[in-house]
């Protein structure tokens, strides 16, 4: 079961479905609800905490991201990320799937590094959320 929450700022509460508000009866002057949050700032931080946090806290995540950004080169930065991602999400390898797991881990680390460093195509990934 899912509910739409009040994000329109008019304190109308959750919007029930079906409703004239959602379906647009045309009788009311409707507007699209909007969060008063800059998602281009919030989403990268949320992703960082989801990938690196894993019960370690904000200070750990902030320090790790700082080390990654200050690394001497891309490989050193990716090694830092690889250790954390592997520890958090790839601890148990099945003997037969080691090669597949390593390949997937490498792709996750490449994606996450590009996202952190705002490299293409992740330099504008939050621009089209709305």
Foldseek 3Di string as FASTA:
>chain_A
DDWAADQQPPPPGIDDPPDCQVVVPVPDPHDDGDHPDDCVPVVLLVVLCVQQVLPPDDVRSVVLLVCLVPDPDNVVSLVSSLVRNCVRPVVDDDPVCPVVSVVVSVVVSVVNSCLSVLHPPNVCVSVPPD
